[in-house]
Amino acid sequence: MSEKKKSADPGEAEEPKARANQKEARSAKAPARSERPSRPVRREVKPAAAPAKKTGGFRNWRLVRFVRESYHELRYKVTWPTFPEARNMTIIVIVLSTAVGLLLGLVDAGLFQLFKLITGK
């Protein structure tokens, strides 16, 4: 059992060597933390923004705000189809609606005939 462990883990013996080589390479590139001169890090501190004044004005009403935001979205964010695209999509909807209506009408008529056949009326 111990032989399997010894033969199965040859990389473990090499790993500390690799780590030592990495440490040496790092120390050659940059000085260690203790050798680095310490200087304070200066960060800019921005003053806190003053809170917006809440006036009970007309613009802050929920309904008015909803209408304004809806208008802005419909005017500037929605991509509207061109006239030919809208016309073609309308024709497709009409054709498909007619086809589905005819199909459902045929199924209804067939089921009605089957019902009459079963009940004998």
C-alpha atoms as a PDB file:
ATOM      1  CA  MET A   1       0.000   0.000   0.000  1.00  0.00           C
ATOM      2  CA  SER A   2       2.794   2.386   0.869  1.00  0.00           C
ATOM      3  CA  GLU A   3       4.504   1.551  -2.417  1.00  0.00           C
ATOM      4  CA  LYS A   4       1.443   2.718  -4.336  1.00  0.00           C
ATOM      5  CA  LYS A   5       1.522   6.028  -2.521  1.00  0.00           C
ATOM      6  CA  LYS A   6       5.188   6.522  -3.235  1.00  0.00           C
ATOM      7  CA  SER A   7       4.872   5.652  -6.908  1.00  0.00           C
ATOM      8  CA  ALA A   8       1.551   7.469  -7.403  1.00  0.00           C
ATOM      9  CA  ASP A   9       2.757  10.854  -6.146  1.00  0.00           C
ATOM     10  CA  PRO A  10       6.056  11.694  -7.822  1.00  0.00           C
ATOM     11  CA  GLY A  11       4.809  15.215  -8.531  1.00  0.00           C
ATOM     12  CA  GLU A  12       4.489  16.040  -4.857  1.00  0.00           C
ATOM     13  CA  ALA A  13       8.209  15.891  -4.358  1.00  0.00           C
ATOM     14  CA  GLU A  14       8.737  18.282  -7.261  1.00  0.00           C
ATOM     15  CA  GLU A  15       6.025  20.723  -6.200  1.00  0.00           C
ATOM     16  CA  PRO A  16       7.956  22.385  -3.332  1.00  0.00           C
ATOM     17  CA  LYS A  17      10.861  22.920  -5.713  1.00  0.00           C
ATOM     18  CA  ALA A  18       8.575  24.605  -8.225  1.00  0.00           C
ATOM     19  CA  ARG A  19       7.131  26.815  -5.533  1.00  0.00           C
ATOM     20  CA  ALA A  20      10.621  27.796  -4.398  1.00  0.00           C
ATOM     21  CA  ASN A  21      11.535  28.683  -7.986  1.00  0.00           C
ATOM     22  CA  GLN A  22       8.401  30.833  -8.295  1.00  0.00           C
ATOM     23  CA  LYS A  23       9.281  32.677  -5.100  1.00  0.00           C
ATOM     24  CA  GLU A  24      12.788  33.328  -6.356  1.00  0.00           C
ATOM     25  CA  ALA A  25      11.449  34.623  -9.662  1.00  0.00           C
ATOM     26  CA  ARG A  26       9.043  36.939  -7.872  1.00  0.00           C
ATOM     27  CA  SER A  27      11.694  38.271  -5.564  1.00  0.00           C
ATOM     28  CA  ALA A  28      13.928  39.025  -8.532  1.00  0.00           C
ATOM     29  CA  LYS A  29      11.151  41.015 -10.247  1.00  0.00           C
ATOM     30  CA  ALA A  30       9.913  43.151  -7.382  1.00  0.00           C
ATOM     31  CA  PRO A  31      11.067  43.856  -3.850  1.00  0.00           C
ATOM     32  CA  ALA A  32       9.223  42.148  -1.013  1.00  0.00           C
ATOM     33  CA  ARG A  33       6.508  44.028   0.841  1.00  0.00           C
ATOM     34  CA  SER A  34       8.763  44.771   3.764  1.00  0.00           C
ATOM     35  CA  GLU A  35      11.339  46.352   1.432  1.00  0.00           C
ATOM     36  CA  ARG A  36       8.847  48.563  -0.385  1.00  0.00           C
ATOM     37  CA  PRO A  37       8.529  52.117   0.873  1.00  0.00           C
ATOM     38  CA  SER A  38       5.125  52.618   2.382  1.00  0.00           C
ATOM     39  CA  ARG A  39       3.230  55.705   1.408  1.00  0.00           C
ATOM     40  CA  PRO A  40      -0.401  56.466   2.117  1.00  0.00           C
ATOM     41  CA  VAL A  41      -2.899  56.062  -0.657  1.00  0.00           C
ATOM     42  CA  ARG A  42      -4.824  59.255  -1.236  1.00  0.00           C
ATOM     43  CA  ARG A  43      -8.346  58.963  -2.452  1.00  0.00           C
ATOM     44  CA  GLU A  44     -10.555  61.818  -3.439  1.00  0.00           C
ATOM     45  CA  VAL A  45     -13.569  62.149  -1.234  1.00  0.00           C
ATOM     46  CA  LYS A  46     -16.552  63.590  -3.036  1.00  0.00           C
ATOM     47  CA  PRO A  47     -18.997  65.547  -0.965  1.00  0.00           C
ATOM     48  CA  ALA A  48     -22.391  63.953  -0.610  1.00  0.00           C
ATOM     49  CA  ALA A  49     -24.935  65.292  -3.051  1.00  0.00           C
ATOM     50  CA  ALA A  50     -27.712  67.318  -1.530  1.00  0.00           C
ATOM     51  CA  PRO A  51     -31.014  65.451  -1.571  1.00  0.00           C
ATOM     52  CA  ALA A  52     -33.473  66.620  -4.199  1.00  0.00           C
ATOM     53  CA  LYS A  53     -36.187  68.831  -2.887  1.00  0.00           C
ATOM     54  CA  LYS A  54     -39.502  67.080  -2.853  1.00  0.00           C
ATOM     55  CA  THR A  55     -42.133  69.515  -3.751  1.00  0.00           C
ATOM     56  CA  GLY A  56     -45.668  68.293  -3.991  1.00  0.00           C
ATOM     57  CA  GLY A  57     -45.688  69.601  -7.535  1.00  0.00           C
ATOM     58  CA  PHE A  58     -47.666  68.435 -10.492  1.00  0.00           C
ATOM     59  CA  ARG A  59     -44.709  66.563 -12.056  1.00  0.00           C
ATOM     60  CA  ASN A  60     -44.318  64.142  -9.140  1.00  0.00           C
ATOM     61  CA  TRP A  61     -47.834  62.774  -9.242  1.00  0.00           C
ATOM     62  CA  ARG A  62     -47.852  59.098 -10.090  1.00  0.00           C
ATOM     63  CA  LEU A  63     -50.227  59.373 -13.020  1.00  0.00           C
ATOM     64  CA  VAL A  64     -48.401  62.340 -14.554  1.00  0.00           C
ATOM     65  CA  ARG A  65     -45.037  60.628 -14.124  1.00  0.00           C
ATOM     66  CA  PHE A  66     -46.427  57.445 -15.719  1.00  0.00           C
ATOM     67  CA  VAL A  67     -47.757  59.381 -18.722  1.00  0.00           C
ATOM     68  CA  ARG A  68     -44.452  61.259 -19.159  1.00  0.00           C
ATOM     69  CA  GLU A  69     -42.383  58.063 -18.973  1.00  0.00           C
ATOM     70  CA  SER A  70     -44.754  56.241 -21.329  1.00  0.00           C
ATOM     71  CA  TYR A  71     -44.552  59.067 -23.859  1.00  0.00           C
ATOM     72  CA  HIS A  72     -40.758  59.108 -23.652  1.00  0.00           C
ATOM     73  CA  GLU A  73     -40.567  55.354 -24.153  1.00  0.00           C
ATOM     74  CA  LEU A  74     -42.982  55.335 -27.082  1.00  0.00           C
ATOM     75  CA  ARG A  75     -41.340  58.338 -28.715  1.00  0.00           C
ATOM     76  CA  TYR A  76     -37.655  57.535 -28.288  1.00  0.00           C
ATOM     77  CA  LYS A  77     -37.164  53.861 -27.367  1.00  0.00           C
ATOM     78  CA  VAL A  78     -39.706  51.915 -29.443  1.00  0.00           C
ATOM     79  CA  THR A  79     -38.694  50.927 -32.965  1.00  0.00           C
ATOM     80  CA  TRP A  80     -41.813  51.347 -35.055  1.00  0.00           C
ATOM     81  CA  PRO A  81     -42.296  49.355 -38.284  1.00  0.00           C
ATOM     82  CA  THR A  82     -42.305  51.119 -41.611  1.00  0.00           C
ATOM     83  CA  PHE A  83     -45.565  51.368 -43.553  1.00  0.00           C
ATOM     84  CA  PRO A  84     -44.774  48.451 -45.914  1.00  0.00           C
ATOM     85  CA  GLU A  85     -43.781  46.244 -42.954  1.00  0.00           C
ATOM     86  CA  ALA A  86     -46.996  47.104 -41.095  1.00  0.00           C
ATOM     87  CA  ARG A  87     -49.099  46.456 -44.236  1.00  0.00           C
ATOM     88  CA  ASN A  88     -47.453  43.072 -44.860  1.00  0.00           C
ATOM     89  CA  MET A  89     -47.864  41.970 -41.252  1.00  0.00           C
ATOM     90  CA  THR A  90     -51.542  43.025 -41.335  1.00  0.00           C
ATOM     91  CA  ILE A  91     -52.139  40.971 -44.498  1.00  0.00           C
ATOM     92  CA  ILE A  92     -50.441  37.950 -42.894  1.00  0.00           C
ATOM     93  CA  VAL A  93     -52.640  38.250 -39.783  1.00  0.00           C
ATOM     94  CA  ILE A  94     -55.814  38.474 -41.894  1.00  0.00           C
ATOM     95  CA  VAL A  95     -54.841  35.460 -44.050  1.00  0.00           C
ATOM     96  CA  LEU A  96     -53.868  33.304 -41.065  1.00  0.00           C
ATOM     97  CA  SER A  97     -57.019  34.263 -39.143  1.00  0.00           C
ATOM     98  CA  THR A  98     -59.173  33.306 -42.145  1.00  0.00           C
ATOM     99  CA  ALA A  99     -57.352  29.969 -42.539  1.00  0.00           C
ATOM    100  CA  VAL A 100     -57.750  29.084 -38.865  1.00  0.00           C
ATOM    101  CA  GLY A 101     -61.423  30.110 -38.967  1.00  0.00           C
ATOM    102  CA  LEU A 102     -62.081  27.868 -41.997  1.00  0.00           C
ATOM    103  CA  LEU A 103     -60.221  24.954 -40.365  1.00  0.00           C
ATOM    104  CA  LEU A 104     -62.198  25.293 -37.140  1.00  0.00           C
ATOM    105  CA  GLY A 105     -65.443  25.586 -39.137  1.00  0.00           C
ATOM    106  CA  LEU A 106     -64.688  22.325 -40.973  1.00  0.00           C
ATOM    107  CA  VAL A 107     -63.846  20.532 -37.715  1.00  0.00           C
ATOM    108  CA  ASP A 108     -67.062  21.859 -36.153  1.00  0.00           C
ATOM    109  CA  ALA A 109     -69.175  20.715 -39.109  1.00  0.00           C
ATOM    110  CA  GLY A 110     -67.539  17.262 -39.057  1.00  0.00           C
ATOM    111  CA  LEU A 111     -68.081  16.829 -35.322  1.00  0.00           C
ATOM    112  CA  PHE A 112     -71.706  17.946 -35.719  1.00  0.00           C
ATOM    113  CA  GLN A 113     -72.283  15.301 -38.419  1.00  0.00           C
ATOM    114  CA  LEU A 114     -70.640  12.692 -36.155  1.00  0.00           C
ATOM    115  CA  PHE A 115     -72.908  13.748 -33.275  1.00  0.00           C
ATOM    116  CA  LYS A 116     -76.002  13.443 -35.508  1.00  0.00           C
ATOM    117  CA  LEU A 117     -74.851   9.983 -36.624  1.00  0.00           C
ATOM    118  CA  ILE A 118     -74.309   8.767 -33.054  1.00  0.00           C
ATOM    119  CA  THR A 119     -77.594  10.148 -31.648  1.00  0.00           C
ATOM    120  CA  GLY A 120     -79.645   9.152 -34.725  1.00  0.00           C
ATOM    121  CA  LYS A 121     -81.416  12.493 -35.091  1.00  0.00           C
END
